[in-house]
């Protein structure tokens, strides 16, 4: 809390990282499954390994509330009062106020990507007001909106494609398993079932930070090929033996 906005932002970043990154790596159920949510909903509580994530999130939230209380106590339980000199954009009239506030996220994104022009305190007119729509800095605001929309669409399409593929593989495995039970001597069904199960196991494997081992990949490929090409030997027909 001694670092102004960064002090409250870093705690939220830690929570978001735990929910969307750390749990995704630990979960073996795929991108749409969060292990700590499953553990909470099933009543396994704090005793299982998944409860560690919930404890970490709760610890960060409690620490954030304690820091906020300390900050408010230092401020005398009063919100800061900004004047026109401190925050010109807040006291400006539309559309300058709206255009300037819309441009600030684009400016922050640019500084985060390329911090070449930094300032100890972005107040007192350090960012000039965008008074008209013809200001070229509005293009930066538009570019940021396009990037966010494009990234969101790409993420939704990728997630939908992954879930669709998993659903298709699950349905194919179910149908092939039933067909294999009804016709156990049809070897091509067994081969297809082995390939589908191998693909499902490969998709369900949790992502790892270590690079893949070529030897393991070659072994898995050889195993799938062996399952595909394997034809079990049928026992000899007793009628043919009697005839001979």
Foldseek 3Di string as FASTA:
>chain_A
DVLPPVVLVVLVVVLCCLQQPVQLQVALAHNVDGVLVVCVVVVVPCPDPSNVSVVVNVVSVVVSVVVVVVVCVVVVVDDDDDDCQFAVLVVDDPPQNVLQVLLVVLVVVVCVVPVPDDDPGPGRCPDPTDHDPPPVSSVSSVVVVVVVVVVVVVVVVVVVVLVVVLVVLVVLLVVLVVVCVVPVQPLQSQLVNLVSVLVNSVNSGRDDPDDDDVVVVVVSVVVNVCSNPDHDDDDDDVVVVVVD
